[in-house]
Amino acid sequence: MSELRDPKEPKSPDADFSERVRNGSPESLRELAQNPTLEEGQAALLLARKDLPAELIEEIAQRKPLLKTYAIKKALVLHPHTPRLVSVRLLRDLYLMDLVQLTLAPGALAELKRNAEEQVIARLPQLPLGQKITLARRGPGRVAGALLAEGHEQILRVVLDNINLSEAHVLKALSRPKLIPRVVEAISRHQKWSHSYNVRLALVRQPSTTLSTVLSYLPELTVSDLRELAAPGIVPENFRRYLQAEIQRRIQKGEKLQTE
């Protein structure tokens, strides 16, 4: 049976430090952060306070011995008050899934999120398929868009349903001149994206889209968009005559309605 600690017994240094961090005033926190003997565990406790001021975070970030510990680097990057330059400098040292966590963090700076996304995208070629599928399913939109453009069959099964994938990401993928045909086919058959007007317009522009898909979309495009698409150099030459025929059909239909 364990013995109860005597309330009068002095607290351990760790317990005392934890209490000072938890209940400390700004002055007390400053004293703790500036302590030259600050240890890794103590720094982690300080960084766990989301209201820790930026000046104290920068004080911790200048301690090179502390930066040898991954947990401290991660805590610094993810802290909402870490100065931008400190976060950007440490970002490249984060593990993949911690970068992903940062891209999805609601309170993270937009610039930091974008840098983290770029780090993830740069690592995609070296990732095993399993990790790519995980990112395709739950990763940030820009990463999902990059995976969509890769066109791996197993990734296409999940990436188009990613809730972070936006129309802008799909349109960016479709703007690539040498897009793999199965990517185009997957988008054109997807329950959500195949019904987006802008996506349909992009599919008509995309060289890898099949003629049957283009023809199925033409009746729903506006005459102004059809005329723009029918200009030389926009779509393959053999598609232009179908566009011009659709424009003529619309004009004739409009004239017929006016005479009735």
C-alpha atoms as a PDB file:
ATOM      1  CA  MET A   1       0.000   0.000   0.000  1.00  0.00           C
ATOM      2  CA  SER A   2       1.473   3.341  -1.027  1.00  0.00           C
ATOM      3  CA  GLU A   3       2.080   5.968   1.591  1.00  0.00           C
ATOM      4  CA  LEU A   4       0.356   9.364   1.402  1.00  0.00           C
ATOM      5  CA  ARG A   5       2.732  12.286   0.982  1.00  0.00           C
ATOM      6  CA  ASP A   6       2.885  14.648   3.909  1.00  0.00           C
ATOM      7  CA  PRO A   7       1.391  18.011   2.779  1.00  0.00           C
ATOM      8  CA  LYS A   8       4.254  19.752   4.575  1.00  0.00           C
ATOM      9  CA  GLU A   9       6.843  17.762   2.642  1.00  0.00           C
ATOM     10  CA  PRO A  10       8.668  19.931   0.054  1.00  0.00           C
ATOM     11  CA  LYS A  11       7.569  19.431  -3.550  1.00  0.00           C
ATOM     12  CA  SER A  12       9.925  17.920  -6.077  1.00  0.00           C
ATOM     13  CA  PRO A  13      11.663  20.404  -8.429  1.00  0.00           C
ATOM     14  CA  ASP A  14       9.635  19.088 -11.396  1.00  0.00           C
ATOM     15  CA  ALA A  15       6.330  19.451  -9.573  1.00  0.00           C
ATOM     16  CA  ASP A  16       7.274  22.928  -8.417  1.00  0.00           C
ATOM     17  CA  PHE A  17       8.237  23.964 -11.965  1.00  0.00           C
ATOM     18  CA  SER A  18       4.972  22.580 -13.380  1.00  0.00           C
ATOM     19  CA  GLU A  19       2.949  24.527 -10.844  1.00  0.00           C
ATOM     20  CA  ARG A  20       4.842  27.740 -11.572  1.00  0.00           C
ATOM     21  CA  VAL A  21       4.212  27.299 -15.299  1.00  0.00           C
ATOM     22  CA  ARG A  22       0.537  26.522 -14.752  1.00  0.00           C
ATOM     23  CA  ASN A  23      -0.171  29.383 -12.357  1.00  0.00           C
ATOM     24  CA  GLY A  24       2.652  31.740 -13.159  1.00  0.00           C
ATOM     25  CA  SER A  25       2.332  35.449 -13.854  1.00  0.00           C
ATOM     26  CA  PRO A  26       3.944  36.926 -16.999  1.00  0.00           C
ATOM     27  CA  GLU A  27       6.930  37.952 -14.881  1.00  0.00           C
ATOM     28  CA  SER A  28       7.279  34.469 -13.431  1.00  0.00           C
ATOM     29  CA  LEU A  29       7.078  32.864 -16.890  1.00  0.00           C
ATOM     30  CA  ARG A  30       9.751  35.234 -18.147  1.00  0.00           C
ATOM     31  CA  GLU A  31      12.005  34.246 -15.277  1.00  0.00           C
ATOM     32  CA  LEU A  32      11.493  30.540 -16.068  1.00  0.00           C
ATOM     33  CA  ALA A  33      12.118  30.953 -19.809  1.00  0.00           C
ATOM     34  CA  GLN A  34      15.254  32.997 -19.291  1.00  0.00           C
ATOM     35  CA  ASN A  35      16.762  30.560 -16.805  1.00  0.00           C
ATOM     36  CA  PRO A  36      20.137  29.518 -18.320  1.00  0.00           C
ATOM     37  CA  THR A  37      19.692  25.974 -16.937  1.00  0.00           C
ATOM     38  CA  LEU A  38      16.316  25.452 -18.662  1.00  0.00           C
ATOM     39  CA  GLU A  39      15.942  21.774 -19.572  1.00  0.00           C
ATOM     40  CA  GLU A  40      14.061  20.050 -22.380  1.00  0.00           C
ATOM     41  CA  GLY A  41      11.125  18.903 -20.247  1.00  0.00           C
ATOM     42  CA  GLN A  42      10.785  22.348 -18.712  1.00  0.00           C
ATOM     43  CA  ALA A  43      10.845  24.032 -22.115  1.00  0.00           C
ATOM     44  CA  ALA A  44       8.131  21.628 -23.291  1.00  0.00           C
ATOM     45  CA  LEU A  45       5.950  22.610 -20.321  1.00  0.00           C
ATOM     46  CA  LEU A  46       6.390  26.289 -21.124  1.00  0.00           C
ATOM     47  CA  LEU A  47       5.549  25.742 -24.805  1.00  0.00           C
ATOM     48  CA  ALA A  48       2.418  23.838 -23.793  1.00  0.00           C
ATOM     49  CA  ARG A  49       0.978  27.166 -22.646  1.00  0.00           C
ATOM     50  CA  LYS A  50      -0.780  28.545 -25.725  1.00  0.00           C
ATOM     51  CA  ASP A  51      -0.670  32.061 -24.262  1.00  0.00           C
ATOM     52  CA  LEU A  52       3.118  32.091 -23.937  1.00  0.00           C
ATOM     53  CA  PRO A  53       4.316  35.430 -25.406  1.00  0.00           C
ATOM     54  CA  ALA A  54       6.323  35.488 -28.632  1.00  0.00           C
ATOM     55  CA  GLU A  55       9.336  37.059 -26.940  1.00  0.00           C
ATOM     56  CA  LEU A  56       9.649  34.107 -24.547  1.00  0.00           C
ATOM     57  CA  ILE A  57       9.187  31.610 -27.362  1.00  0.00           C
ATOM     58  CA  GLU A  58      12.006  33.302 -29.244  1.00  0.00           C
ATOM     59  CA  GLU A  59      14.106  33.070 -26.080  1.00  0.00           C
ATOM     60  CA  ILE A  60      13.597  29.290 -26.069  1.00  0.00           C
ATOM     61  CA  ALA A  61      14.231  29.035 -29.829  1.00  0.00           C
ATOM     62  CA  GLN A  62      17.672  30.593 -29.360  1.00  0.00           C
ATOM     63  CA  ARG A  63      18.802  27.752 -27.088  1.00  0.00           C
ATOM     64  CA  LYS A  64      20.709  25.518 -29.512  1.00  0.00           C
ATOM     65  CA  PRO A  65      20.947  22.551 -27.094  1.00  0.00           C
ATOM     66  CA  LEU A  66      17.143  22.500 -26.819  1.00  0.00           C
ATOM     67  CA  LEU A  67      16.756  22.521 -30.616  1.00  0.00           C
ATOM     68  CA  LYS A  68      18.539  19.180 -30.805  1.00  0.00           C
ATOM     69  CA  THR A  69      15.292  17.634 -29.521  1.00  0.00           C
ATOM     70  CA  TYR A  70      12.589  16.984 -32.103  1.00  0.00           C
ATOM     71  CA  ALA A  71       9.750  17.486 -29.600  1.00  0.00           C
ATOM     72  CA  ILE A  72      10.932  21.046 -28.918  1.00  0.00           C
ATOM     73  CA  LYS A  73      11.228  21.847 -32.632  1.00  0.00           C
ATOM     74  CA  LYS A  74       7.712  20.553 -33.217  1.00  0.00           C
ATOM     75  CA  ALA A  75       6.295  22.467 -30.254  1.00  0.00           C
ATOM     76  CA  LEU A  76       7.923  25.674 -31.483  1.00  0.00           C
ATOM     77  CA  VAL A  77       6.568  25.331 -35.027  1.00  0.00           C
ATOM     78  CA  LEU A  78       3.041  24.470 -33.864  1.00  0.00           C
ATOM     79  CA  HIS A  79       2.799  27.169 -31.195  1.00  0.00           C
ATOM     80  CA  PRO A  80       0.408  29.959 -32.303  1.00  0.00           C
ATOM     81  CA  HIS A  81       2.709  32.741 -31.019  1.00  0.00           C
ATOM     82  CA  THR A  82       6.012  31.549 -32.467  1.00  0.00           C
ATOM     83  CA  PRO A  83       7.595  34.310 -34.589  1.00  0.00           C
ATOM     84  CA  ARG A  84       7.210  33.622 -38.315  1.00  0.00           C
ATOM     85  CA  LEU A  85      10.921  33.456 -39.095  1.00  0.00           C
ATOM     86  CA  VAL A  86      11.497  30.908 -36.335  1.00  0.00           C
ATOM     87  CA  SER A  87       8.666  28.674 -37.579  1.00  0.00           C
ATOM     88  CA  VAL A  88       9.775  28.836 -41.211  1.00  0.00           C
ATOM     89  CA  ARG A  89      13.366  28.003 -40.259  1.00  0.00           C
ATOM     90  CA  LEU A  90      12.363  24.911 -38.251  1.00  0.00           C
ATOM     91  CA  LEU A  91       9.670  23.734 -40.667  1.00  0.00           C
ATOM     92  CA  ARG A  92      12.007  21.707 -42.880  1.00  0.00           C
ATOM     93  CA  ASP A  93      12.956  19.497 -39.918  1.00  0.00           C
ATOM     94  CA  LEU A  94       9.407  18.282 -39.212  1.00  0.00           C
ATOM     95  CA  TYR A  95       8.255  14.765 -40.014  1.00  0.00           C
ATOM     96  CA  LEU A  96       5.725  14.314 -42.805  1.00  0.00           C
ATOM     97  CA  MET A  97       2.586  13.786 -40.708  1.00  0.00           C
ATOM     98  CA  ASP A  98       3.493  16.689 -38.424  1.00  0.00           C
ATOM     99  CA  LEU A  99       3.702  18.897 -41.503  1.00  0.00           C
ATOM    100  CA  VAL A 100       0.259  17.642 -42.522  1.00  0.00           C
ATOM    101  CA  GLN A 101      -1.039  18.409 -39.017  1.00  0.00           C
ATOM    102  CA  LEU A 102       0.235  21.970 -39.406  1.00  0.00           C
ATOM    103  CA  THR A 103      -1.446  22.437 -42.804  1.00  0.00           C
ATOM    104  CA  LEU A 104      -4.798  21.519 -41.246  1.00  0.00           C
ATOM    105  CA  ALA A 105      -4.385  23.525 -38.021  1.00  0.00           C
ATOM    106  CA  PRO A 106      -7.111  26.237 -37.890  1.00  0.00           C
ATOM    107  CA  GLY A 107      -4.975  28.847 -36.112  1.00  0.00           C
ATOM    108  CA  ALA A 108      -1.766  28.480 -38.130  1.00  0.00           C
ATOM    109  CA  LEU A 109      -0.539  31.386 -40.247  1.00  0.00           C
ATOM    110  CA  ALA A 110      -1.529  31.119 -43.921  1.00  0.00           C
ATOM    111  CA  GLU A 111       2.087  31.567 -45.037  1.00  0.00           C
ATOM    112  CA  LEU A 112       3.241  28.824 -42.681  1.00  0.00           C
ATOM    113  CA  LYS A 113       0.529  26.460 -43.920  1.00  0.00           C
ATOM    114  CA  ARG A 114       1.529  27.122 -47.507  1.00  0.00           C
ATOM    115  CA  ASN A 115       5.199  26.467 -46.751  1.00  0.00           C
ATOM    116  CA  ALA A 116       4.254  23.228 -44.999  1.00  0.00           C
ATOM    117  CA  GLU A 117       2.153  22.157 -48.004  1.00  0.00           C
ATOM    118  CA  GLU A 118       5.086  22.832 -50.312  1.00  0.00           C
ATOM    119  CA  GLN A 119       7.320  20.724 -48.084  1.00  0.00           C
ATOM    120  CA  VAL A 120       4.839  17.838 -48.266  1.00  0.00           C
ATOM    121  CA  ILE A 121       4.416  18.149 -52.052  1.00  0.00           C
ATOM    122  CA  ALA A 122       8.204  18.167 -52.512  1.00  0.00           C
ATOM    123  CA  ARG A 123       8.411  14.859 -50.628  1.00  0.00           C
ATOM    124  CA  LEU A 124       5.646  13.108 -52.597  1.00  0.00           C
ATOM    125  CA  PRO A 125       7.942  11.401 -55.153  1.00  0.00           C
ATOM    126  CA  GLN A 126       9.795   9.583 -52.352  1.00  0.00           C
ATOM    127  CA  LEU A 127       6.707   8.435 -50.426  1.00  0.00           C
ATOM    128  CA  PRO A 128       5.424   4.840 -50.492  1.00  0.00           C
ATOM    129  CA  LEU A 129       1.988   4.281 -52.006  1.00  0.00           C
ATOM    130  CA  GLY A 130       0.360   3.646 -48.623  1.00  0.00           C
ATOM    131  CA  GLN A 131       1.316   7.089 -47.314  1.00  0.00           C
ATOM    132  CA  LYS A 132       0.169   8.703 -50.553  1.00  0.00           C
ATOM    133  CA  ILE A 133      -3.241   7.053 -50.217  1.00  0.00           C
ATOM    134  CA  THR A 134      -3.518   8.340 -46.630  1.00  0.00           C
ATOM    135  CA  LEU A 135      -2.696  11.861 -47.822  1.00  0.00           C
ATOM    136  CA  ALA A 136      -5.100  11.520 -50.745  1.00  0.00           C
ATOM    137  CA  ARG A 137      -7.882  10.625 -48.336  1.00  0.00           C
ATOM    138  CA  ARG A 138      -7.297  13.181 -45.561  1.00  0.00           C
ATOM    139  CA  GLY A 139      -4.504  15.552 -46.613  1.00  0.00           C
ATOM    140  CA  PRO A 140      -4.760  19.286 -47.367  1.00  0.00           C
ATOM    141  CA  GLY A 141      -6.271  20.429 -50.655  1.00  0.00           C
ATOM    142  CA  ARG A 142      -3.059  21.420 -52.453  1.00  0.00           C
ATOM    143  CA  VAL A 143      -1.467  18.084 -51.597  1.00  0.00           C
ATOM    144  CA  ALA A 144      -4.586  16.232 -52.745  1.00  0.00           C
ATOM    145  CA  GLY A 145      -4.501  18.209 -55.995  1.00  0.00           C
ATOM    146  CA  ALA A 146      -0.871  17.241 -56.606  1.00  0.00           C
ATOM    147  CA  LEU A 147      -1.714  13.575 -55.947  1.00  0.00           C
ATOM    148  CA  LEU A 148      -4.695  13.828 -58.288  1.00  0.00           C
ATOM    149  CA  ALA A 149      -2.413  15.003 -61.085  1.00  0.00           C
ATOM    150  CA  GLU A 150      -0.069  12.035 -60.492  1.00  0.00           C
ATOM    151  CA  GLY A 151      -2.917   9.814 -61.647  1.00  0.00           C
ATOM    152  CA  HIS A 152      -2.184   6.623 -59.720  1.00  0.00           C
ATOM    153  CA  GLU A 153      -5.199   4.332 -60.039  1.00  0.00           C
ATOM    154  CA  GLN A 154      -5.499   3.543 -56.312  1.00  0.00           C
ATOM    155  CA  ILE A 155      -5.148   7.222 -55.401  1.00  0.00           C
ATOM    156  CA  LEU A 156      -7.873   8.270 -57.825  1.00  0.00           C
ATOM    157  CA  ARG A 157     -10.317   6.021 -55.981  1.00  0.00           C
ATOM    158  CA  VAL A 158     -10.104   8.209 -52.863  1.00  0.00           C
ATOM    159  CA  VAL A 159      -8.612  11.622 -53.678  1.00  0.00           C
ATOM    160  CA  LEU A 160     -11.663  13.029 -55.482  1.00  0.00           C
ATOM    161  CA  ASP A 161     -13.703  12.479 -52.297  1.00  0.00           C
ATOM    162  CA  ASN A 162     -11.211  14.361 -50.091  1.00  0.00           C
ATOM    163  CA  ILE A 163     -13.217  17.065 -48.262  1.00  0.00           C
ATOM    164  CA  ASN A 164     -10.261  19.462 -48.514  1.00  0.00           C
ATOM    165  CA  LEU A 165     -10.076  19.193 -52.312  1.00  0.00           C
ATOM    166  CA  SER A 166     -11.630  22.301 -53.861  1.00  0.00           C
ATOM    167  CA  GLU A 167     -12.800  23.121 -57.357  1.00  0.00           C
ATOM    168  CA  ALA A 168      -9.695  25.285 -57.771  1.00  0.00           C
ATOM    169  CA  HIS A 169      -7.464  22.269 -57.108  1.00  0.00           C
ATOM    170  CA  VAL A 170      -9.355  20.159 -59.655  1.00  0.00           C
ATOM    171  CA  LEU A 171      -9.175  22.944 -62.238  1.00  0.00           C
ATOM    172  CA  LYS A 172      -5.427  23.312 -61.680  1.00  0.00           C
ATOM    173  CA  ALA A 173      -4.946  19.597 -62.355  1.00  0.00           C
ATOM    174  CA  LEU A 174      -7.082  19.809 -65.506  1.00  0.00           C
ATOM    175  CA  SER A 175      -5.011  22.762 -66.774  1.00  0.00           C
ATOM    176  CA  ARG A 176      -1.957  20.515 -67.195  1.00  0.00           C
ATOM    177  CA  PRO A 177      -1.380  19.924 -70.930  1.00  0.00           C
ATOM    178  CA  LYS A 178      -0.047  16.371 -70.475  1.00  0.00           C
ATOM    179  CA  LEU A 179      -2.504  15.015 -67.944  1.00  0.00           C
ATOM    180  CA  ILE A 180      -2.871  11.238 -67.749  1.00  0.00           C
ATOM    181  CA  PRO A 181      -6.146  10.253 -69.498  1.00  0.00           C
ATOM    182  CA  ARG A 182      -7.404   8.203 -66.529  1.00  0.00           C
ATOM    183  CA  VAL A 183      -7.347  11.365 -64.384  1.00  0.00           C
ATOM    184  CA  VAL A 184      -9.619  13.085 -66.885  1.00  0.00           C
ATOM    185  CA  GLU A 185     -11.880  10.056 -67.028  1.00  0.00           C
ATOM    186  CA  ALA A 186     -12.104   9.821 -63.227  1.00  0.00           C
ATOM    187  CA  ILE A 187     -13.079  13.492 -62.925  1.00  0.00           C
ATOM    188  CA  SER A 188     -15.620  13.281 -65.746  1.00  0.00           C
ATOM    189  CA  ARG A 189     -17.322  10.325 -64.028  1.00  0.00           C
ATOM    190  CA  HIS A 190     -17.197  11.628 -60.467  1.00  0.00           C
ATOM    191  CA  GLN A 191     -20.579  12.279 -58.871  1.00  0.00           C
ATOM    192  CA  LYS A 192     -19.593  15.718 -57.552  1.00  0.00           C
ATOM    193  CA  TRP A 193     -17.004  17.148 -59.927  1.00  0.00           C
ATOM    194  CA  SER A 194     -18.667  16.038 -63.161  1.00  0.00           C
ATOM    195  CA  HIS A 195     -21.632  18.325 -62.340  1.00  0.00           C
ATOM    196  CA  SER A 196     -19.553  21.473 -61.815  1.00  0.00           C
ATOM    197  CA  TYR A 197     -19.929  23.892 -64.740  1.00  0.00           C
ATOM    198  CA  ASN A 198     -16.359  25.177 -64.452  1.00  0.00           C
ATOM    199  CA  VAL A 199     -14.991  21.636 -64.289  1.00  0.00           C
ATOM    200  CA  ARG A 200     -16.973  20.679 -67.389  1.00  0.00           C
ATOM    201  CA  LEU A 201     -15.611  23.732 -69.168  1.00  0.00           C
ATOM    202  CA  ALA A 202     -12.069  22.719 -68.175  1.00  0.00           C
ATOM    203  CA  LEU A 203     -12.714  19.161 -69.352  1.00  0.00           C
ATOM    204  CA  VAL A 204     -13.725  20.467 -72.791  1.00  0.00           C
ATOM    205  CA  ARG A 205     -10.441  22.395 -72.916  1.00  0.00           C
ATOM    206  CA  GLN A 206      -8.379  19.409 -71.756  1.00  0.00           C
ATOM    207  CA  PRO A 207      -6.696  17.585 -74.708  1.00  0.00           C
ATOM    208  CA  SER A 208      -7.102  14.162 -73.039  1.00  0.00           C
ATOM    209  CA  THR A 209     -10.898  14.401 -72.746  1.00  0.00           C
ATOM    210  CA  THR A 210     -12.703  11.984 -75.039  1.00  0.00           C
ATOM    211  CA  LEU A 211     -14.921  13.278 -77.841  1.00  0.00           C
ATOM    212  CA  SER A 212     -17.986  11.577 -76.368  1.00  0.00           C
ATOM    213  CA  THR A 213     -17.505  13.449 -73.074  1.00  0.00           C
ATOM    214  CA  VAL A 214     -17.023  16.773 -74.866  1.00  0.00           C
ATOM    215  CA  LEU A 215     -20.161  16.258 -76.940  1.00  0.00           C
ATOM    216  CA  SER A 216     -22.217  15.429 -73.840  1.00  0.00           C
ATOM    217  CA  TYR A 217     -21.232  18.764 -72.259  1.00  0.00           C
ATOM    218  CA  LEU A 218     -21.711  21.079 -75.254  1.00  0.00           C
ATOM    219  CA  PRO A 219     -25.511  21.529 -74.913  1.00  0.00           C
ATOM    220  CA  GLU A 220     -25.030  22.901 -71.375  1.00  0.00           C
ATOM    221  CA  LEU A 221     -22.312  25.452 -72.149  1.00  0.00           C
ATOM    222  CA  THR A 222     -23.213  29.089 -72.746  1.00  0.00           C
ATOM    223  CA  VAL A 223     -22.904  30.471 -76.277  1.00  0.00           C
ATOM    224  CA  SER A 224     -20.225  32.924 -75.116  1.00  0.00           C
ATOM    225  CA  ASP A 225     -18.132  30.058 -73.724  1.00  0.00           C
ATOM    226  CA  LEU A 226     -18.674  28.026 -76.879  1.00  0.00           C
ATOM    227  CA  ARG A 227     -17.453  30.932 -79.003  1.00  0.00           C
ATOM    228  CA  GLU A 228     -14.375  31.356 -76.842  1.00  0.00           C
ATOM    229  CA  LEU A 229     -13.601  27.633 -77.081  1.00  0.00           C
ATOM    230  CA  ALA A 230     -14.122  27.653 -80.839  1.00  0.00           C
ATOM    231  CA  ALA A 231     -11.346  30.229 -81.335  1.00  0.00           C
ATOM    232  CA  PRO A 232      -8.224  28.801 -83.029  1.00  0.00           C
ATOM    233  CA  GLY A 233      -5.746  27.074 -80.729  1.00  0.00           C
ATOM    234  CA  ILE A 234      -8.052  26.538 -77.738  1.00  0.00           C
ATOM    235  CA  VAL A 235      -9.159  22.945 -78.405  1.00  0.00           C
ATOM    236  CA  PRO A 236      -7.973  20.302 -80.892  1.00  0.00           C
ATOM    237  CA  GLU A 237      -8.940  21.209 -84.454  1.00  0.00           C
ATOM    238  CA  ASN A 238     -11.215  18.197 -84.892  1.00  0.00           C
ATOM    239  CA  PHE A 239     -13.256  19.405 -81.869  1.00  0.00           C
ATOM    240  CA  ARG A 240     -13.782  22.906 -83.278  1.00  0.00           C
ATOM    241  CA  ARG A 241     -16.300  21.837 -85.882  1.00  0.00           C
ATOM    242  CA  TYR A 242     -18.518  20.340 -83.184  1.00  0.00           C
ATOM    243  CA  LEU A 243     -18.326  23.577 -81.226  1.00  0.00           C
ATOM    244  CA  GLN A 244     -19.176  25.628 -84.307  1.00  0.00           C
ATOM    245  CA  ALA A 245     -22.080  23.302 -85.116  1.00  0.00           C
ATOM    246  CA  GLU A 246     -23.431  23.732 -81.570  1.00  0.00           C
ATOM    247  CA  ILE A 247     -23.165  27.518 -81.864  1.00  0.00           C
ATOM    248  CA  GLN A 248     -25.116  27.432 -85.140  1.00  0.00           C
ATOM    249  CA  ARG A 249     -27.734  25.160 -83.578  1.00  0.00           C
ATOM    250  CA  ARG A 250     -28.216  27.634 -80.710  1.00  0.00           C
ATOM    251  CA  ILE A 251     -28.476  30.596 -83.082  1.00  0.00           C
ATOM    252  CA  GLN A 252     -31.056  28.824 -85.231  1.00  0.00           C
ATOM    253  CA  LYS A 253     -32.997  27.762 -82.172  1.00  0.00           C
ATOM    254  CA  GLY A 254     -33.049  31.377 -80.940  1.00  0.00           C
ATOM    255  CA  GLU A 255     -34.237  32.661 -84.318  1.00  0.00           C
ATOM    256  CA  LYS A 256     -36.968  30.037 -84.414  1.00  0.00           C
ATOM    257  CA  LEU A 257     -38.224  31.044 -80.965  1.00  0.00           C
ATOM    258  CA  GLN A 258     -38.340  34.696 -82.015  1.00  0.00           C
ATOM    259  CA  THR A 259     -40.534  33.925 -85.065  1.00  0.00           C
ATOM    260  CA  GLU A 260     -43.026  31.808 -83.115  1.00  0.00           C
END
